[in-house]
């Protein structure tokens, strides 16, 4: 452990997270490793799970949570966003619709890059916009490959169903019709990190009248191709901080 700061609750929480750097651990193993009293450790671990600094695996063991990866991504230089610019522009020009990259941050998804349709009716989503994780094809994609616990939590009060997410996993892309906003359709596909974990979603969005009531049939191919290009950029330089860090990296 690092030198104590003098703030007991923080020092003890850091002890727990330091202990989990070596891998998953049970409550008893953490008690043995840290020397903390079992009730204290359980209380702190439960609070860290609540804030997603820790999580639980399928065997109930404590593991490092996804919030740490999200904060690391937000703190880094977003090199992937710069590299993705030409891909988003090309996707916009091919489809005639606005294009975006979304990344999950906490309980929201944030637009980190976009290329808007220059003229006519369009779905405008400026960079920095926070949208719900409960609706829209990008939310579907960002949630579909999560672990069971986060999947169940994410489906609570969502506009989409477990069947919809199963379809996203099977096809490799998601679509929505008026989920996020009436009259707006979208198609999204996953961007993956070096270990294969979904780290972002690339999307197109626009009026249902143009995208049609089956936007995936019309546009999934080009959206998936753009997402694959972004994935290859990440895998070609896995040591770079792309601002879309994989939780497993």
C-alpha atoms as a PDB file:
ATOM      1  CA  UNK A   1       0.000   0.000   0.000  1.00  0.00           C
ATOM      2  CA  UNK A   2       1.074   3.609  -0.589  1.00  0.00           C
ATOM      3  CA  UNK A   3       1.782   5.920   2.370  1.00  0.00           C
ATOM      4  CA  UNK A   4      -1.441   6.702   4.259  1.00  0.00           C
ATOM      5  CA  UNK A   5      -3.005  10.074   3.544  1.00  0.00           C
ATOM      6  CA  UNK A   6      -4.500  10.401   6.986  1.00  0.00           C
ATOM      7  CA  UNK A   7      -8.067  10.168   5.616  1.00  0.00           C
ATOM      8  CA  UNK A   8      -9.006   6.754   6.938  1.00  0.00           C
ATOM      9  CA  UNK A   9     -11.975   5.881   4.724  1.00  0.00           C
ATOM     10  CA  UNK A  10     -10.049   6.769   1.556  1.00  0.00           C
ATOM     11  CA  UNK A  11      -6.908   4.929   2.650  1.00  0.00           C
ATOM     12  CA  UNK A  12      -8.926   1.800   3.417  1.00  0.00           C
ATOM     13  CA  UNK A  13     -10.793   1.987   0.106  1.00  0.00           C
ATOM     14  CA  UNK A  14      -7.482   2.277  -1.757  1.00  0.00           C
ATOM     15  CA  UNK A  15      -6.187  -0.751   0.177  1.00  0.00           C
ATOM     16  CA  UNK A  16      -9.141  -2.771  -1.122  1.00  0.00           C
ATOM     17  CA  UNK A  17      -8.626  -1.684  -4.733  1.00  0.00           C
ATOM     18  CA  UNK A  18      -4.866  -2.277  -4.479  1.00  0.00           C
ATOM     19  CA  UNK A  19      -5.565  -5.812  -3.242  1.00  0.00           C
ATOM     20  CA  UNK A  20      -7.773  -6.477  -6.271  1.00  0.00           C
ATOM     21  CA  UNK A  21      -5.044  -5.434  -8.705  1.00  0.00           C
ATOM     22  CA  UNK A  22      -3.812  -9.035  -8.519  1.00  0.00           C
ATOM     23  CA  UNK A  23      -7.231 -10.404  -9.550  1.00  0.00           C
ATOM     24  CA  UNK A  24     -10.673 -11.346  -8.173  1.00  0.00           C
ATOM     25  CA  UNK A  25     -10.987 -11.990  -4.439  1.00  0.00           C
ATOM     26  CA  UNK A  26     -13.644 -13.060  -1.975  1.00  0.00           C
ATOM     27  CA  UNK A  27     -14.559 -11.006   1.071  1.00  0.00           C
ATOM     28  CA  UNK A  28     -12.551 -13.390   3.268  1.00  0.00           C
ATOM     29  CA  UNK A  29      -9.503 -13.084   1.018  1.00  0.00           C
ATOM     30  CA  UNK A  30      -9.709  -9.292   1.103  1.00  0.00           C
ATOM     31  CA  UNK A  31      -9.954  -9.338   4.899  1.00  0.00           C
ATOM     32  CA  UNK A  32      -6.823 -11.485   5.062  1.00  0.00           C
ATOM     33  CA  UNK A  33      -4.943  -9.380   2.522  1.00  0.00           C
ATOM     34  CA  UNK A  34      -5.789  -5.940   3.918  1.00  0.00           C
ATOM     35  CA  UNK A  35      -6.075  -6.680   7.631  1.00  0.00           C
ATOM     36  CA  UNK A  36      -9.313  -4.698   7.771  1.00  0.00           C
ATOM     37  CA  UNK A  37     -12.147  -5.828  10.021  1.00  0.00           C
ATOM     38  CA  UNK A  38     -14.739  -7.842   8.115  1.00  0.00           C
ATOM     39  CA  UNK A  39     -17.691  -5.466   8.824  1.00  0.00           C
ATOM     40  CA  UNK A  40     -15.594  -2.437   7.792  1.00  0.00           C
ATOM     41  CA  UNK A  41     -14.392  -4.102   4.622  1.00  0.00           C
ATOM     42  CA  UNK A  42     -17.889  -5.270   3.685  1.00  0.00           C
ATOM     43  CA  UNK A  43     -19.316  -1.767   4.192  1.00  0.00           C
ATOM     44  CA  UNK A  44     -16.591  -0.099   2.112  1.00  0.00           C
ATOM     45  CA  UNK A  45     -16.707  -2.739  -0.638  1.00  0.00           C
ATOM     46  CA  UNK A  46     -20.494  -2.386  -0.904  1.00  0.00           C
ATOM     47  CA  UNK A  47     -20.134   1.391  -1.304  1.00  0.00           C
ATOM     48  CA  UNK A  48     -17.434   0.920  -3.966  1.00  0.00           C
ATOM     49  CA  UNK A  49     -19.699  -1.518  -5.831  1.00  0.00           C
ATOM     50  CA  UNK A  50     -22.545   1.014  -5.671  1.00  0.00           C
ATOM     51  CA  UNK A  51     -20.338   3.611  -7.353  1.00  0.00           C
ATOM     52  CA  UNK A  52     -18.954   0.992  -9.814  1.00  0.00           C
ATOM     53  CA  UNK A  53     -15.347   1.271  -8.601  1.00  0.00           C
ATOM     54  CA  UNK A  54     -15.738  -2.423  -7.783  1.00  0.00           C
ATOM     55  CA  UNK A  55     -17.981  -5.101  -9.260  1.00  0.00           C
ATOM     56  CA  UNK A  56     -18.810  -8.755  -8.611  1.00  0.00           C
ATOM     57  CA  UNK A  57     -18.022 -11.601 -11.000  1.00  0.00           C
ATOM     58  CA  UNK A  58     -20.259 -14.622 -11.688  1.00  0.00           C
ATOM     59  CA  UNK A  59     -18.781 -16.381  -8.630  1.00  0.00           C
ATOM     60  CA  UNK A  60     -19.549 -13.439  -6.362  1.00  0.00           C
ATOM     61  CA  UNK A  61     -15.911 -12.377  -6.016  1.00  0.00           C
ATOM     62  CA  UNK A  62     -14.951  -8.717  -5.969  1.00  0.00           C
ATOM     63  CA  UNK A  63     -13.207  -7.316  -9.070  1.00  0.00           C
ATOM     64  CA  UNK A  64     -12.131  -3.871 -10.245  1.00  0.00           C
ATOM     65  CA  UNK A  65     -15.168  -2.039 -11.635  1.00  0.00           C
ATOM     66  CA  UNK A  66     -15.746  -0.277 -14.921  1.00  0.00           C
ATOM     67  CA  UNK A  67     -15.838   3.234 -13.440  1.00  0.00           C
ATOM     68  CA  UNK A  68     -12.035   3.296 -13.167  1.00  0.00           C
ATOM     69  CA  UNK A  69     -11.670   2.623 -16.891  1.00  0.00           C
ATOM     70  CA  UNK A  70     -14.227   5.321 -17.685  1.00  0.00           C
ATOM     71  CA  UNK A  71     -12.337   7.894 -15.606  1.00  0.00           C
ATOM     72  CA  UNK A  72      -9.028   6.874 -17.169  1.00  0.00           C
ATOM     73  CA  UNK A  73     -10.541   7.305 -20.621  1.00  0.00           C
ATOM     74  CA  UNK A  74     -11.923  10.740 -19.771  1.00  0.00           C
ATOM     75  CA  UNK A  75      -8.545  11.883 -18.414  1.00  0.00           C
ATOM     76  CA  UNK A  76      -6.523  10.849 -21.455  1.00  0.00           C
ATOM     77  CA  UNK A  77      -5.839  12.516 -24.782  1.00  0.00           C
ATOM     78  CA  UNK A  78      -8.564  11.301 -27.096  1.00  0.00           C
ATOM     79  CA  UNK A  79      -6.377  10.281 -30.020  1.00  0.00           C
ATOM     80  CA  UNK A  80      -9.014   7.951 -31.444  1.00  0.00           C
ATOM     81  CA  UNK A  81     -11.468  10.829 -31.798  1.00  0.00           C
ATOM     82  CA  UNK A  82      -9.006  12.667 -34.060  1.00  0.00           C
ATOM     83  CA  UNK A  83      -8.302   9.513 -36.057  1.00  0.00           C
ATOM     84  CA  UNK A  84     -12.026   8.820 -36.365  1.00  0.00           C
ATOM     85  CA  UNK A  85     -12.794  12.174 -37.985  1.00  0.00           C
ATOM     86  CA  UNK A  86     -12.253  11.056 -41.592  1.00  0.00           C
ATOM     87  CA  UNK A  87     -14.226   7.862 -40.981  1.00  0.00           C
ATOM     88  CA  UNK A  88     -17.207   9.771 -39.600  1.00  0.00           C
ATOM     89  CA  UNK A  89     -17.089  12.208 -42.506  1.00  0.00           C
ATOM     90  CA  UNK A  90     -16.999   9.377 -45.025  1.00  0.00           C
ATOM     91  CA  UNK A  91     -19.879   7.599 -43.267  1.00  0.00           C
ATOM     92  CA  UNK A  92     -21.867  10.849 -43.303  1.00  0.00           C
ATOM     93  CA  UNK A  93     -21.246  11.335 -47.008  1.00  0.00           C
ATOM     94  CA  UNK A  94     -22.131   7.728 -47.888  1.00  0.00           C
ATOM     95  CA  UNK A  95     -25.352   7.673 -45.853  1.00  0.00           C
ATOM     96  CA  UNK A  96     -26.340  11.343 -46.132  1.00  0.00           C
ATOM     97  CA  UNK A  97     -27.014  11.364 -42.375  1.00  0.00           C
ATOM     98  CA  UNK A  98     -25.361  12.731 -39.237  1.00  0.00           C
ATOM     99  CA  UNK A  99     -22.774  10.426 -37.663  1.00  0.00           C
ATOM    100  CA  UNK A 100     -21.504  10.117 -34.091  1.00  0.00           C
ATOM    101  CA  UNK A 101     -19.263   8.185 -31.726  1.00  0.00           C
ATOM    102  CA  UNK A 102     -20.679   7.502 -28.277  1.00  0.00           C
ATOM    103  CA  UNK A 103     -18.841   6.359 -25.177  1.00  0.00           C
ATOM    104  CA  UNK A 104     -20.417   5.299 -21.913  1.00  0.00           C
ATOM    105  CA  UNK A 105     -19.671   7.493 -18.912  1.00  0.00           C
ATOM    106  CA  UNK A 106     -21.429   6.410 -15.754  1.00  0.00           C
ATOM    107  CA  UNK A 107     -25.152   6.125 -16.343  1.00  0.00           C
ATOM    108  CA  UNK A 108     -25.093   8.167 -19.563  1.00  0.00           C
ATOM    109  CA  UNK A 109     -23.604   7.926 -23.016  1.00  0.00           C
ATOM    110  CA  UNK A 110     -21.618  10.891 -24.276  1.00  0.00           C
ATOM    111  CA  UNK A 111     -21.079  12.004 -27.864  1.00  0.00           C
ATOM    112  CA  UNK A 112     -17.282  12.305 -28.213  1.00  0.00           C
ATOM    113  CA  UNK A 113     -17.149  12.937 -31.975  1.00  0.00           C
ATOM    114  CA  UNK A 114     -19.679  13.817 -34.676  1.00  0.00           C
ATOM    115  CA  UNK A 115     -20.104  14.849 -38.301  1.00  0.00           C
ATOM    116  CA  UNK A 116     -23.420  16.532 -38.998  1.00  0.00           C
ATOM    117  CA  UNK A 117     -25.405  16.481 -42.209  1.00  0.00           C
ATOM    118  CA  UNK A 118     -24.628  19.928 -43.666  1.00  0.00           C
ATOM    119  CA  UNK A 119     -28.077  20.839 -45.003  1.00  0.00           C
ATOM    120  CA  UNK A 120     -31.701  19.906 -44.577  1.00  0.00           C
ATOM    121  CA  UNK A 121     -33.505  18.226 -41.689  1.00  0.00           C
ATOM    122  CA  UNK A 122     -30.967  16.480 -39.475  1.00  0.00           C
ATOM    123  CA  UNK A 123     -30.485  14.981 -36.029  1.00  0.00           C
ATOM    124  CA  UNK A 124     -27.994  17.357 -34.418  1.00  0.00           C
ATOM    125  CA  UNK A 125     -25.976  15.898 -31.519  1.00  0.00           C
ATOM    126  CA  UNK A 126     -23.065  18.197 -30.598  1.00  0.00           C
ATOM    127  CA  UNK A 127     -19.882  16.794 -29.061  1.00  0.00           C
ATOM    128  CA  UNK A 128     -20.284  16.599 -25.291  1.00  0.00           C
ATOM    129  CA  UNK A 129     -24.009  15.879 -25.391  1.00  0.00           C
ATOM    130  CA  UNK A 130     -25.080  13.381 -22.718  1.00  0.00           C
ATOM    131  CA  UNK A 131     -27.885  11.028 -23.657  1.00  0.00           C
ATOM    132  CA  UNK A 132     -29.724   8.260 -21.844  1.00  0.00           C
ATOM    133  CA  UNK A 133     -28.464   4.687 -21.667  1.00  0.00           C
ATOM    134  CA  UNK A 134     -32.119   3.609 -21.647  1.00  0.00           C
ATOM    135  CA  UNK A 135     -32.989   4.354 -25.283  1.00  0.00           C
ATOM    136  CA  UNK A 136     -31.435   4.475 -28.746  1.00  0.00           C
ATOM    137  CA  UNK A 137     -29.344   2.115 -30.829  1.00  0.00           C
ATOM    138  CA  UNK A 138     -26.028   3.351 -29.385  1.00  0.00           C
ATOM    139  CA  UNK A 139     -27.279   2.588 -25.866  1.00  0.00           C
ATOM    140  CA  UNK A 140     -28.282  -0.889 -27.068  1.00  0.00           C
ATOM    141  CA  UNK A 141     -24.788  -1.513 -28.451  1.00  0.00           C
ATOM    142  CA  UNK A 142     -22.992  -0.158 -25.372  1.00  0.00           C
ATOM    143  CA  UNK A 143     -25.100  -2.382 -23.095  1.00  0.00           C
ATOM    144  CA  UNK A 144     -25.554  -5.568 -25.148  1.00  0.00           C
ATOM    145  CA  UNK A 145     -22.179  -7.167 -24.317  1.00  0.00           C
ATOM    146  CA  UNK A 146     -22.043  -6.137 -20.639  1.00  0.00           C
ATOM    147  CA  UNK A 147     -21.883  -8.723 -17.840  1.00  0.00           C
ATOM    148  CA  UNK A 148     -25.151 -10.143 -16.530  1.00  0.00           C
ATOM    149  CA  UNK A 149     -25.430  -7.839 -13.511  1.00  0.00           C
ATOM    150  CA  UNK A 150     -24.987  -4.639 -15.518  1.00  0.00           C
ATOM    151  CA  UNK A 151     -27.242  -5.998 -18.256  1.00  0.00           C
ATOM    152  CA  UNK A 152     -30.102  -6.529 -15.813  1.00  0.00           C
ATOM    153  CA  UNK A 153     -29.512  -3.104 -14.254  1.00  0.00           C
ATOM    154  CA  UNK A 154     -29.369  -1.443 -17.670  1.00  0.00           C
ATOM    155  CA  UNK A 155     -32.644  -2.995 -18.807  1.00  0.00           C
ATOM    156  CA  UNK A 156     -34.579  -1.544 -15.882  1.00  0.00           C
ATOM    157  CA  UNK A 157     -36.972   1.073 -17.349  1.00  0.00           C
ATOM    158  CA  UNK A 158     -35.221   0.851 -20.726  1.00  0.00           C
ATOM    159  CA  UNK A 159     -37.143   1.413 -23.953  1.00  0.00           C
ATOM    160  CA  UNK A 160     -35.655  -1.803 -25.370  1.00  0.00           C
ATOM    161  CA  UNK A 161     -36.005  -5.406 -24.200  1.00  0.00           C
ATOM    162  CA  UNK A 162     -33.704  -8.400 -23.572  1.00  0.00           C
ATOM    163  CA  UNK A 163     -34.864  -9.781 -26.928  1.00  0.00           C
ATOM    164  CA  UNK A 164     -33.689  -6.612 -28.673  1.00  0.00           C
ATOM    165  CA  UNK A 165     -30.252  -6.885 -27.034  1.00  0.00           C
ATOM    166  CA  UNK A 166     -30.013 -10.558 -27.993  1.00  0.00           C
ATOM    167  CA  UNK A 167     -30.619  -9.480 -31.585  1.00  0.00           C
ATOM    168  CA  UNK A 168     -27.881  -6.835 -31.308  1.00  0.00           C
ATOM    169  CA  UNK A 169     -25.392  -9.468 -30.121  1.00  0.00           C
ATOM    170  CA  UNK A 170     -26.430 -11.897 -32.866  1.00  0.00           C
ATOM    171  CA  UNK A 171     -26.267  -9.375 -35.739  1.00  0.00           C
ATOM    172  CA  UNK A 172     -23.468  -7.172 -34.469  1.00  0.00           C
ATOM    173  CA  UNK A 173     -25.460  -3.920 -34.746  1.00  0.00           C
ATOM    174  CA  UNK A 174     -28.500  -2.157 -33.285  1.00  0.00           C
ATOM    175  CA  UNK A 175     -31.304  -0.002 -34.658  1.00  0.00           C
ATOM    176  CA  UNK A 176     -33.969   2.192 -33.118  1.00  0.00           C
ATOM    177  CA  UNK A 177     -37.154   3.896 -34.255  1.00  0.00           C
ATOM    178  CA  UNK A 178     -38.275   6.823 -32.108  1.00  0.00           C
ATOM    179  CA  UNK A 179     -36.766   5.328 -28.924  1.00  0.00           C
ATOM    180  CA  UNK A 180     -34.766   8.392 -27.917  1.00  0.00           C
ATOM    181  CA  UNK A 181     -36.813  11.010 -29.728  1.00  0.00           C
ATOM    182  CA  UNK A 182     -40.056  10.734 -31.731  1.00  0.00           C
ATOM    183  CA  UNK A 183     -39.460  10.675 -35.471  1.00  0.00           C
ATOM    184  CA  UNK A 184     -35.743   9.883 -35.205  1.00  0.00           C
ATOM    185  CA  UNK A 185     -34.163   6.595 -36.317  1.00  0.00           C
ATOM    186  CA  UNK A 186     -30.610   5.377 -35.813  1.00  0.00           C
ATOM    187  CA  UNK A 187     -28.224   2.515 -36.512  1.00  0.00           C
ATOM    188  CA  UNK A 188     -25.154   1.747 -34.375  1.00  0.00           C
ATOM    189  CA  UNK A 189     -22.314  -0.777 -34.257  1.00  0.00           C
ATOM    190  CA  UNK A 190     -19.645  -1.543 -31.633  1.00  0.00           C
ATOM    191  CA  UNK A 191     -16.054  -0.358 -31.536  1.00  0.00           C
ATOM    192  CA  UNK A 192     -13.901  -2.868 -29.639  1.00  0.00           C
ATOM    193  CA  UNK A 193     -10.661  -2.601 -27.696  1.00  0.00           C
ATOM    194  CA  UNK A 194      -7.652  -4.898 -28.105  1.00  0.00           C
ATOM    195  CA  UNK A 195      -9.182  -7.583 -25.857  1.00  0.00           C
ATOM    196  CA  UNK A 196     -12.507  -7.512 -27.719  1.00  0.00           C
ATOM    197  CA  UNK A 197     -14.476  -5.537 -25.131  1.00  0.00           C
ATOM    198  CA  UNK A 198     -16.942  -2.964 -26.504  1.00  0.00           C
ATOM    199  CA  UNK A 199     -15.540   0.495 -25.733  1.00  0.00           C
ATOM    200  CA  UNK A 200     -17.670   2.770 -27.933  1.00  0.00           C
ATOM    201  CA  UNK A 201     -20.430   2.850 -30.529  1.00  0.00           C
ATOM    202  CA  UNK A 202     -20.420   4.458 -33.966  1.00  0.00           C
ATOM    203  CA  UNK A 203     -23.853   5.667 -35.096  1.00  0.00           C
ATOM    204  CA  UNK A 204     -25.862   7.352 -37.801  1.00  0.00           C
ATOM    205  CA  UNK A 205     -29.130   9.121 -37.003  1.00  0.00           C
ATOM    206  CA  UNK A 206     -31.795  11.056 -38.834  1.00  0.00           C
ATOM    207  CA  UNK A 207     -35.513  11.279 -39.621  1.00  0.00           C
ATOM    208  CA  UNK A 208     -37.401   8.012 -39.963  1.00  0.00           C
ATOM    209  CA  UNK A 209     -38.725   9.290 -43.293  1.00  0.00           C
ATOM    210  CA  UNK A 210     -35.217   9.053 -44.759  1.00  0.00           C
ATOM    211  CA  UNK A 211     -33.755   6.141 -42.810  1.00  0.00           C
ATOM    212  CA  UNK A 212     -37.005   4.137 -43.251  1.00  0.00           C
ATOM    213  CA  UNK A 213     -38.711   1.899 -40.713  1.00  0.00           C
ATOM    214  CA  UNK A 214     -35.989  -0.709 -41.246  1.00  0.00           C
ATOM    215  CA  UNK A 215     -32.868   1.450 -40.981  1.00  0.00           C
ATOM    216  CA  UNK A 216     -30.628  -1.515 -40.190  1.00  0.00           C
ATOM    217  CA  UNK A 217     -31.494  -3.255 -43.440  1.00  0.00           C
ATOM    218  CA  UNK A 218     -30.594  -0.076 -45.310  1.00  0.00           C
ATOM    219  CA  UNK A 219     -27.480   1.107 -43.446  1.00  0.00           C
ATOM    220  CA  UNK A 220     -26.087  -1.603 -41.130  1.00  0.00           C
ATOM    221  CA  UNK A 221     -23.419  -2.676 -43.633  1.00  0.00           C
ATOM    222  CA  UNK A 222     -21.717   0.711 -43.888  1.00  0.00           C
ATOM    223  CA  UNK A 223     -22.063   1.459 -40.153  1.00  0.00           C
ATOM    224  CA  UNK A 224     -20.515  -1.893 -39.219  1.00  0.00           C
ATOM    225  CA  UNK A 225     -17.704  -1.287 -41.718  1.00  0.00           C
ATOM    226  CA  UNK A 226     -16.939   2.093 -40.111  1.00  0.00           C
ATOM    227  CA  UNK A 227     -16.953   0.517 -36.643  1.00  0.00           C
ATOM    228  CA  UNK A 228     -14.543  -2.179 -37.861  1.00  0.00           C
ATOM    229  CA  UNK A 229     -12.201   0.523 -39.193  1.00  0.00           C
ATOM    230  CA  UNK A 230     -12.194   2.243 -35.801  1.00  0.00           C
ATOM    231  CA  UNK A 231     -11.586  -1.085 -34.074  1.00  0.00           C
ATOM    232  CA  UNK A 232      -8.584  -1.727 -36.318  1.00  0.00           C
ATOM    233  CA  UNK A 233      -7.176   1.700 -35.408  1.00  0.00           C
ATOM    234  CA  UNK A 234      -7.302   0.724 -31.746  1.00  0.00           C
ATOM    235  CA  UNK A 235      -5.763  -2.689 -32.337  1.00  0.00           C
ATOM    236  CA  UNK A 236      -3.015  -1.302 -34.559  1.00  0.00           C
ATOM    237  CA  UNK A 237      -1.739   0.811 -31.676  1.00  0.00           C
ATOM    238  CA  UNK A 238      -2.935  -0.880 -28.465  1.00  0.00           C
ATOM    239  CA  UNK A 239      -0.413   0.942 -26.247  1.00  0.00           C
ATOM    240  CA  UNK A 240      -1.670   4.393 -27.232  1.00  0.00           C
ATOM    241  CA  UNK A 241      -4.179   6.145 -25.013  1.00  0.00           C
ATOM    242  CA  UNK A 242      -7.138   6.533 -27.357  1.00  0.00           C
ATOM    243  CA  UNK A 243      -9.428   7.956 -24.704  1.00  0.00           C
ATOM    244  CA  UNK A 244     -11.565   4.859 -25.252  1.00  0.00           C
ATOM    245  CA  UNK A 245      -9.570   2.549 -23.027  1.00  0.00           C
ATOM    246  CA  UNK A 246     -10.644  -1.024 -22.593  1.00  0.00           C
ATOM    247  CA  UNK A 247     -11.392  -2.034 -19.047  1.00  0.00           C
ATOM    248  CA  UNK A 248      -9.265  -5.115 -19.617  1.00  0.00           C
ATOM    249  CA  UNK A 249      -6.261  -3.244 -21.086  1.00  0.00           C
END
